[in-house]
Amino acid sequence: MKRFALLLMLCAAPIPALAHKVLLSVFPSGDVIEGEVGFSNGTMAVDQLITVRGPDGTVLGETTTDSDGFFLFKPVLPVAHIFRGNLGAGHVAEVKMPAQEVAAILGKPVSAADTAAGVGDAVVGTVTNAPLSAEERAAIAEAVRDEIRPLRREMVATREHQNLQSILGGIGYILGLFGLGFYLAARRKLAA
């Protein structure tokens, strides 16, 4: 009977799921918006369609990821841009770039109607002129972007690992408490 109960408990034990999240991020990159799409386990989405919509839902354009999961989009209007990637099987990610950031890329002001409607929800900092030429600034910006890409992936993977570690630790505490309860119950039964 004890073996049957043990077998039943093992069959009812939860099996860990190999779930992952879809991660989508965008950031200004010179006169374009650069972004990346991938899963939390570090696998990047290759050749995936990314749709770009405005705050009112109109399609502003589309782009496709490259072999590293990165994409570029050149904005035309200084409105909030909502990037959406559907990787299939329920894996959908969406991220918004505020109107102020898009306007800064375009070098245009955000309209008062967009700001009042809450479309622009970020603060644009002041820009000072550096004694560098445009080519030098572009080369520095490209070098920094290339160096930051692996760091972004590493940060996402570390963040996901810490979440999984916390979950497994919590499950361990719960199982430990059950074990302690069973031990105390067995001692009482033996003492009686």
C-alpha atoms as a PDB file:
ATOM      1  CA  MET A   1       0.000   0.000   0.000  1.00  0.00           C
ATOM      2  CA  LYS A   2       2.888   2.347   0.808  1.00  0.00           C
ATOM      3  CA  ARG A   3       4.422   1.726  -2.598  1.00  0.00           C
ATOM      4  CA  PHE A   4       1.122   2.479  -4.297  1.00  0.00           C
ATOM      5  CA  ALA A   5       0.833   5.765  -2.351  1.00  0.00           C
ATOM      6  CA  LEU A   6       4.411   6.670  -3.269  1.00  0.00           C
ATOM      7  CA  LEU A   7       3.762   5.892  -6.937  1.00  0.00           C
ATOM      8  CA  LEU A   8       0.580   7.954  -6.840  1.00  0.00           C
ATOM      9  CA  MET A   9       2.419  10.908  -5.284  1.00  0.00           C
ATOM     10  CA  LEU A  10       5.180  10.711  -7.898  1.00  0.00           C
ATOM     11  CA  CYS A  11       2.614  10.677 -10.721  1.00  0.00           C
ATOM     12  CA  ALA A  12       0.829  13.699  -9.227  1.00  0.00           C
ATOM     13  CA  ALA A  13       4.061  15.650  -8.734  1.00  0.00           C
ATOM     14  CA  PRO A  14       4.295  18.763 -10.853  1.00  0.00           C
ATOM     15  CA  ILE A  15       6.612  18.527 -13.821  1.00  0.00           C
ATOM     16  CA  PRO A  16       8.574  21.699 -14.539  1.00  0.00           C
ATOM     17  CA  ALA A  17       7.499  23.426 -17.719  1.00  0.00           C
ATOM     18  CA  LEU A  18      10.105  24.724 -20.125  1.00  0.00           C
ATOM     19  CA  ALA A  19       8.389  28.061 -20.627  1.00  0.00           C
ATOM     20  CA  HIS A  20      10.034  31.198 -21.908  1.00  0.00           C
ATOM     21  CA  LYS A  21       9.025  34.769 -22.573  1.00  0.00           C
ATOM     22  CA  VAL A  22       9.311  36.786 -25.747  1.00  0.00           C
ATOM     23  CA  LEU A  23      11.420  39.887 -25.251  1.00  0.00           C
ATOM     24  CA  LEU A  24      11.157  42.914 -27.512  1.00  0.00           C
ATOM     25  CA  SER A  25      13.093  46.119 -26.968  1.00  0.00           C
ATOM     26  CA  VAL A  26      13.590  49.273 -29.023  1.00  0.00           C
ATOM     27  CA  PHE A  27      15.987  52.171 -28.689  1.00  0.00           C
ATOM     28  CA  PRO A  28      17.072  55.223 -30.704  1.00  0.00           C
ATOM     29  CA  SER A  29      20.007  54.637 -33.007  1.00  0.00           C
ATOM     30  CA  GLY A  30      20.978  57.757 -34.909  1.00  0.00           C
ATOM     31  CA  ASP A  31      18.163  58.597 -37.350  1.00  0.00           C
ATOM     32  CA  VAL A  32      16.470  55.181 -37.015  1.00  0.00           C
ATOM     33  CA  ILE A  33      14.890  53.051 -34.327  1.00  0.00           C
ATOM     34  CA  GLU A  34      16.800  49.847 -33.633  1.00  0.00           C
ATOM     35  CA  GLY A  35      15.255  46.903 -31.867  1.00  0.00           C
ATOM     36  CA  GLU A  36      15.724  43.273 -31.024  1.00  0.00           C
ATOM     37  CA  VAL A  37      13.368  40.335 -30.553  1.00  0.00           C
ATOM     38  CA  GLY A  38      14.112  37.037 -28.905  1.00  0.00           C
ATOM     39  CA  PHE A  39      13.216  34.598 -26.190  1.00  0.00           C
ATOM     40  CA  SER A  40      14.277  34.859 -22.567  1.00  0.00           C
ATOM     41  CA  ASN A  41      16.539  31.824 -22.974  1.00  0.00           C
ATOM     42  CA  GLY A  42      18.787  33.818 -25.331  1.00  0.00           C
ATOM     43  CA  THR A  43      17.451  32.464 -28.647  1.00  0.00           C
ATOM     44  CA  MET A  44      16.869  35.348 -31.024  1.00  0.00           C
ATOM     45  CA  ALA A  45      13.925  35.592 -33.442  1.00  0.00           C
ATOM     46  CA  VAL A  46      15.263  35.300 -36.991  1.00  0.00           C
ATOM     47  CA  ASP A  47      13.378  36.617 -40.056  1.00  0.00           C
ATOM     48  CA  GLN A  48      10.323  37.671 -38.046  1.00  0.00           C
ATOM     49  CA  LEU A  49       7.885  40.354 -39.165  1.00  0.00           C
ATOM     50  CA  ILE A  50       7.576  43.346 -36.824  1.00  0.00           C
ATOM     51  CA  THR A  51       4.592  45.642 -37.338  1.00  0.00           C
ATOM     52  CA  VAL A  52       4.755  49.274 -36.276  1.00  0.00           C
ATOM     53  CA  ARG A  53       1.560  51.084 -35.321  1.00  0.00           C
ATOM     54  CA  GLY A  54       0.782  54.597 -34.206  1.00  0.00           C
ATOM     55  CA  PRO A  55      -1.070  55.498 -31.017  1.00  0.00           C
ATOM     56  CA  ASP A  56      -4.398  55.399 -32.884  1.00  0.00           C
ATOM     57  CA  GLY A  57      -3.716  51.902 -34.281  1.00  0.00           C
ATOM     58  CA  THR A  58      -2.819  52.910 -37.843  1.00  0.00           C
ATOM     59  CA  VAL A  59      -0.013  50.891 -39.392  1.00  0.00           C
ATOM     60  CA  LEU A  60       3.088  53.053 -39.780  1.00  0.00           C
ATOM     61  CA  GLY A  61       5.153  50.337 -41.398  1.00  0.00           C
ATOM     62  CA  GLU A  62       6.725  46.913 -41.108  1.00  0.00           C
ATOM     63  CA  THR A  63      10.239  45.570 -40.778  1.00  0.00           C
ATOM     64  CA  THR A  64      11.895  42.162 -40.511  1.00  0.00           C
ATOM     65  CA  THR A  65      14.526  40.905 -38.083  1.00  0.00           C
ATOM     66  CA  ASP A  66      17.944  39.870 -39.334  1.00  0.00           C
ATOM     67  CA  SER A  67      19.922  36.718 -38.487  1.00  0.00           C
ATOM     68  CA  ASP A  68      20.727  38.128 -35.014  1.00  0.00           C
ATOM     69  CA  GLY A  69      17.138  39.106 -34.155  1.00  0.00           C
ATOM     70  CA  PHE A  70      17.769  42.837 -34.733  1.00  0.00           C
ATOM     71  CA  PHE A  71      15.728  45.190 -36.873  1.00  0.00           C
ATOM     72  CA  LEU A  72      15.827  48.824 -38.000  1.00  0.00           C
ATOM     73  CA  PHE A  73      12.886  51.138 -38.621  1.00  0.00           C
ATOM     74  CA  LYS A  74      13.059  54.686 -39.974  1.00  0.00           C
ATOM     75  CA  PRO A  75      10.293  56.804 -38.427  1.00  0.00           C
ATOM     76  CA  VAL A  76       8.495  59.475 -40.425  1.00  0.00           C
ATOM     77  CA  LEU A  77       6.012  60.955 -37.938  1.00  0.00           C
ATOM     78  CA  PRO A  78       6.833  62.298 -34.436  1.00  0.00           C
ATOM     79  CA  VAL A  79       4.179  60.148 -32.718  1.00  0.00           C
ATOM     80  CA  ALA A  80       4.458  57.206 -30.354  1.00  0.00           C
ATOM     81  CA  HIS A  81       5.446  54.008 -32.159  1.00  0.00           C
ATOM     82  CA  ILE A  82       4.142  50.636 -30.967  1.00  0.00           C
ATOM     83  CA  PHE A  83       6.251  47.702 -32.150  1.00  0.00           C
ATOM     84  CA  ARG A  84       4.599  44.265 -32.173  1.00  0.00           C
ATOM     85  CA  GLY A  85       6.164  40.912 -32.925  1.00  0.00           C
ATOM     86  CA  ASN A  86       4.147  37.702 -33.264  1.00  0.00           C
ATOM     87  CA  LEU A  87       6.464  34.689 -33.188  1.00  0.00           C
ATOM     88  CA  GLY A  88       3.641  32.137 -33.347  1.00  0.00           C
ATOM     89  CA  ALA A  89       2.333  29.623 -30.812  1.00  0.00           C
ATOM     90  CA  GLY A  90       1.064  32.437 -28.594  1.00  0.00           C
ATOM     91  CA  HIS A  91       4.442  34.158 -28.374  1.00  0.00           C
ATOM     92  CA  VAL A  92       3.583  37.838 -28.863  1.00  0.00           C
ATOM     93  CA  ALA A  93       5.522  40.857 -27.624  1.00  0.00           C
ATOM     94  CA  GLU A  94       4.719  44.539 -27.828  1.00  0.00           C
ATOM     95  CA  VAL A  95       6.708  47.606 -26.818  1.00  0.00           C
ATOM     96  CA  LYS A  96       6.090  51.336 -27.165  1.00  0.00           C
ATOM     97  CA  MET A  97       8.562  54.085 -28.001  1.00  0.00           C
ATOM     98  CA  PRO A  98       7.207  57.414 -26.712  1.00  0.00           C
ATOM     99  CA  ALA A  99       6.540  60.323 -29.051  1.00  0.00           C
ATOM    100  CA  GLN A 100       9.288  62.475 -27.481  1.00  0.00           C
ATOM    101  CA  GLU A 101      11.952  59.875 -28.313  1.00  0.00           C
ATOM    102  CA  VAL A 102      10.698  59.526 -31.891  1.00  0.00           C
ATOM    103  CA  ALA A 103      10.572  63.326 -32.252  1.00  0.00           C
ATOM    104  CA  ALA A 104      14.170  63.554 -30.987  1.00  0.00           C
ATOM    105  CA  ILE A 105      15.243  61.054 -33.650  1.00  0.00           C
ATOM    106  CA  LEU A 106      13.488  63.081 -36.346  1.00  0.00           C
ATOM    107  CA  GLY A 107      14.602  66.430 -34.921  1.00  0.00           C
ATOM    108  CA  LYS A 108      10.965  67.593 -34.878  1.00  0.00           C
ATOM    109  CA  PRO A 109       8.835  68.841 -32.006  1.00  0.00           C
ATOM    110  CA  VAL A 110       5.947  66.778 -30.638  1.00  0.00           C
ATOM    111  CA  SER A 111       2.558  68.374 -31.258  1.00  0.00           C
ATOM    112  CA  ALA A 112       0.670  69.756 -28.255  1.00  0.00           C
ATOM    113  CA  ALA A 113      -2.287  67.446 -29.055  1.00  0.00           C
ATOM    114  CA  ASP A 114      -0.051  64.374 -28.768  1.00  0.00           C
ATOM    115  CA  THR A 115       1.418  65.566 -25.471  1.00  0.00           C
ATOM    116  CA  ALA A 116      -2.040  66.378 -24.029  1.00  0.00           C
ATOM    117  CA  ALA A 117      -3.376  62.973 -25.120  1.00  0.00           C
ATOM    118  CA  GLY A 118      -0.543  61.252 -23.248  1.00  0.00           C
ATOM    119  CA  VAL A 119       1.104  60.024 -26.423  1.00  0.00           C
ATOM    120  CA  GLY A 120       4.467  61.420 -25.403  1.00  0.00           C
ATOM    121  CA  ASP A 121       5.371  59.996 -22.012  1.00  0.00           C
ATOM    122  CA  ALA A 122       9.103  60.458 -21.802  1.00  0.00           C
ATOM    123  CA  VAL A 123      11.301  63.465 -21.183  1.00  0.00           C
ATOM    124  CA  VAL A 124      13.735  64.620 -23.834  1.00  0.00           C
ATOM    125  CA  GLY A 125      17.084  65.718 -22.447  1.00  0.00           C
ATOM    126  CA  THR A 126      19.129  68.614 -23.677  1.00  0.00           C
ATOM    127  CA  VAL A 127      21.604  68.033 -26.461  1.00  0.00           C
ATOM    128  CA  THR A 128      24.935  69.815 -26.569  1.00  0.00           C
ATOM    129  CA  ASN A 129      27.094  70.101 -29.631  1.00  0.00           C
ATOM    130  CA  ALA A 130      30.317  68.138 -29.465  1.00  0.00           C
ATOM    131  CA  PRO A 131      33.400  69.185 -31.396  1.00  0.00           C
ATOM    132  CA  LEU A 132      33.159  65.956 -33.426  1.00  0.00           C
ATOM    133  CA  SER A 133      32.141  65.680 -37.036  1.00  0.00           C
ATOM    134  CA  ALA A 134      28.966  63.835 -38.017  1.00  0.00           C
ATOM    135  CA  GLU A 135      30.987  60.908 -39.400  1.00  0.00           C
ATOM    136  CA  GLU A 136      32.951  60.581 -36.153  1.00  0.00           C
ATOM    137  CA  ARG A 137      29.779  60.647 -34.055  1.00  0.00           C
ATOM    138  CA  ALA A 138      28.168  58.033 -36.303  1.00  0.00           C
ATOM    139  CA  ALA A 139      31.228  55.788 -36.050  1.00  0.00           C
ATOM    140  CA  ILE A 140      31.297  56.107 -32.254  1.00  0.00           C
ATOM    141  CA  ALA A 141      27.555  55.449 -31.999  1.00  0.00           C
ATOM    142  CA  GLU A 142      27.855  52.338 -34.179  1.00  0.00           C
ATOM    143  CA  ALA A 143      30.787  51.017 -32.150  1.00  0.00           C
ATOM    144  CA  VAL A 144      28.916  51.554 -28.878  1.00  0.00           C
ATOM    145  CA  ARG A 145      25.774  49.845 -30.248  1.00  0.00           C
ATOM    146  CA  ASP A 146      27.812  46.846 -31.366  1.00  0.00           C
ATOM    147  CA  GLU A 147      29.394  46.567 -27.926  1.00  0.00           C
ATOM    148  CA  ILE A 148      26.105  46.958 -26.051  1.00  0.00           C
ATOM    149  CA  ARG A 149      24.176  44.267 -27.975  1.00  0.00           C
ATOM    150  CA  PRO A 150      25.775  41.278 -26.213  1.00  0.00           C
ATOM    151  CA  LEU A 151      25.401  43.024 -22.849  1.00  0.00           C
ATOM    152  CA  ARG A 152      21.655  43.415 -23.388  1.00  0.00           C
ATOM    153  CA  ARG A 153      21.290  39.710 -24.142  1.00  0.00           C
ATOM    154  CA  GLU A 154      23.361  38.793 -21.106  1.00  0.00           C
ATOM    155  CA  MET A 155      21.275  41.034 -18.839  1.00  0.00           C
ATOM    156  CA  VAL A 156      18.033  39.470 -20.055  1.00  0.00           C
ATOM    157  CA  ALA A 157      19.383  35.943 -19.591  1.00  0.00           C
ATOM    158  CA  THR A 158      20.617  36.780 -16.080  1.00  0.00           C
ATOM    159  CA  ARG A 159      17.291  38.345 -15.119  1.00  0.00           C
ATOM    160  CA  GLU A 160      15.410  35.251 -16.333  1.00  0.00           C
ATOM    161  CA  HIS A 161      17.822  32.926 -14.523  1.00  0.00           C
ATOM    162  CA  GLN A 162      17.279  34.779 -11.252  1.00  0.00           C
ATOM    163  CA  ASN A 163      13.506  34.455 -11.634  1.00  0.00           C
ATOM    164  CA  LEU A 164      13.767  30.698 -12.220  1.00  0.00           C
ATOM    165  CA  GLN A 165      16.150  30.383  -9.280  1.00  0.00           C
ATOM    166  CA  SER A 166      13.676  32.187  -7.001  1.00  0.00           C
ATOM    167  CA  ILE A 167      10.815  29.956  -8.119  1.00  0.00           C
ATOM    168  CA  LEU A 168      12.811  26.777  -7.552  1.00  0.00           C
ATOM    169  CA  GLY A 169      13.928  28.059  -4.149  1.00  0.00           C
ATOM    170  CA  GLY A 170      10.317  28.732  -3.155  1.00  0.00           C
ATOM    171  CA  ILE A 171       9.276  25.243  -4.230  1.00  0.00           C
ATOM    172  CA  GLY A 172      12.150  23.840  -2.178  1.00  0.00           C
ATOM    173  CA  TYR A 173      10.960  25.689   0.930  1.00  0.00           C
ATOM    174  CA  ILE A 174       7.424  24.398   0.454  1.00  0.00           C
ATOM    175  CA  LEU A 175       8.601  20.803   0.024  1.00  0.00           C
ATOM    176  CA  GLY A 176      10.830  21.184   3.077  1.00  0.00           C
ATOM    177  CA  LEU A 177       7.899  22.361   5.188  1.00  0.00           C
ATOM    178  CA  PHE A 178       5.799  19.413   4.012  1.00  0.00           C
ATOM    179  CA  GLY A 179       8.651  17.063   4.884  1.00  0.00           C
ATOM    180  CA  LEU A 180       8.935  18.585   8.334  1.00  0.00           C
ATOM    181  CA  GLY A 181       5.176  18.220   8.818  1.00  0.00           C
ATOM    182  CA  PHE A 182       5.255  14.553   7.772  1.00  0.00           C
ATOM    183  CA  TYR A 183       8.217  13.921  10.086  1.00  0.00           C
ATOM    184  CA  LEU A 184       6.435  15.458  13.082  1.00  0.00           C
ATOM    185  CA  ALA A 185       3.242  13.551  12.268  1.00  0.00           C
ATOM    186  CA  ALA A 186       5.193  10.281  12.076  1.00  0.00           C
ATOM    187  CA  ARG A 187       6.870  10.965  15.430  1.00  0.00           C
ATOM    188  CA  ARG A 188       3.497  11.615  17.078  1.00  0.00           C
ATOM    189  CA  LYS A 189       2.089   8.421  15.592  1.00  0.00           C
ATOM    190  CA  LEU A 190       5.065   6.396  16.846  1.00  0.00           C
ATOM    191  CA  ALA A 191       4.853   7.996  20.315  1.00  0.00           C
ATOM    192  CA  ALA A 192       1.155   7.131  20.668  1.00  0.00           C
END
